Protein backbone atom coordinates (compact mmCIF):
# COMPACT_ATOMS: atom_id res chain seq x y z
CA UNK A 1 -0.23 -0.22 -0.18
CA UNK A 2 1.14 3.66 -0.71
CA UNK A 3 0.16 7.13 0.66
CA UNK A 4 -1.04 9.61 -2.13
CA UNK A 5 -2.13 13.32 -1.44
CA UNK A 6 -5.66 14.54 -2.38
CA UNK A 7 -5.16 18.22 -2.58
CA UNK A 8 -7.86 21.24 -3.08
CA UNK A 9 -6.46 24.22 -4.28
CA UNK A 10 -7.62 27.75 -6.36
CA UNK A 11 -6.23 27.30 -10.20
CA UNK A 12 -5.56 30.63 -11.25
CA UNK A 13 -6.72 31.84 -14.95
CA UNK A 14 -3.02 31.63 -15.92
CA UNK A 15 -3.03 28.24 -14.98
CA UNK A 16 -0.83 28.18 -11.67
CA UNK A 17 -2.02 26.35 -8.69
CA UNK A 18 -2.00 28.11 -5.27
CA UNK A 19 -1.17 26.15 -2.11
CA UNK A 20 -3.92 23.36 -1.06
CA UNK A 21 -6.66 24.75 1.31
CA UNK A 22 -7.36 21.40 1.86
CA UNK A 23 -5.51 17.91 1.74
CA UNK A 24 -6.30 14.28 2.46
CA UNK A 25 -4.05 11.15 2.69
CA UNK A 26 -5.04 8.37 0.49
CA UNK A 27 -3.78 5.21 1.25
CA UNK A 28 -4.09 2.66 -1.97
CA UNK A 29 -2.81 -0.22 -3.67
CA UNK A 30 -1.85 1.47 -6.66
CA UNK A 31 -2.40 4.61 -8.76
CA UNK A 32 -5.99 3.34 -10.30
CA UNK A 33 -7.29 2.80 -7.19
CA UNK A 34 -6.07 5.57 -5.35
CA UNK A 35 -7.88 7.93 -8.43
CA UNK A 36 -10.86 5.69 -7.80
CA UNK A 37 -11.19 6.91 -4.12
CA UNK A 38 -10.29 10.27 -5.04
CA UNK A 39 -13.39 10.28 -7.01
CA UNK A 40 -15.34 9.32 -4.14
CA UNK A 41 -14.33 12.53 -1.58
CA UNK A 42 -17.20 14.93 -1.33
CA UNK A 43 -15.70 18.39 -1.13
CA UNK A 44 -17.60 21.74 -1.07
CA UNK A 45 -15.41 23.52 -3.32
CA UNK A 46 -17.42 26.83 -3.03
CA UNK A 47 -16.92 26.89 0.74
CA UNK A 48 -13.09 26.12 0.26
CA UNK A 49 -13.03 28.95 -2.59
CA UNK A 50 -11.45 26.50 -4.65
CA UNK A 51 -11.46 25.15 -8.16
CA UNK A 52 -9.39 22.35 -8.82
CA UNK A 53 -8.54 18.88 -6.92
CA UNK A 54 -5.65 16.94 -7.72
CA UNK A 55 -3.67 13.59 -6.48
CA UNK A 56 -0.29 13.02 -5.77
CA UNK A 57 1.85 10.06 -6.05
CA UNK A 58 4.25 8.92 -3.22
CA UNK A 59 6.97 10.25 -5.60
CA UNK A 60 5.34 13.88 -5.85
CA UNK A 61 3.96 13.22 -9.25
CA UNK A 62 0.02 14.48 -10.17
CA UNK A 63 -1.29 11.65 -11.44
CA UNK A 64 -4.98 12.81 -11.79
CA UNK A 65 -6.71 16.38 -11.22
CA UNK A 66 -9.98 17.88 -12.05
CA UNK A 67 -10.99 21.61 -12.42
CA UNK A 68 -14.38 23.41 -12.22
CA UNK A 69 -14.02 25.54 -15.36
CA UNK A 70 -17.33 27.52 -14.87
CA UNK A 71 -16.33 29.21 -11.24
CA UNK A 72 -15.07 32.44 -11.65
CA UNK A 73 -15.57 34.23 -8.67
CA UNK A 74 -14.04 31.95 -5.93
CA UNK A 75 -10.98 34.36 -5.27
CA UNK A 76 -13.33 37.37 -4.84
């Protein structure tokens, strides 16, 4: 089993990510299993003022990500 970091952050218009506003540790057998677990996490993106989620593998690489393209006022 390996540990993956599930991160929630604000993705700026230029594509840059701010520091995560929320993180959770996911322990999974492999990347596919970790992604499935990440997809099941319920996150209140508006409350966190974030528009992106991503999963970081044990080596520090982003292995999966999603963003809310239509949230324009999360940084207000």
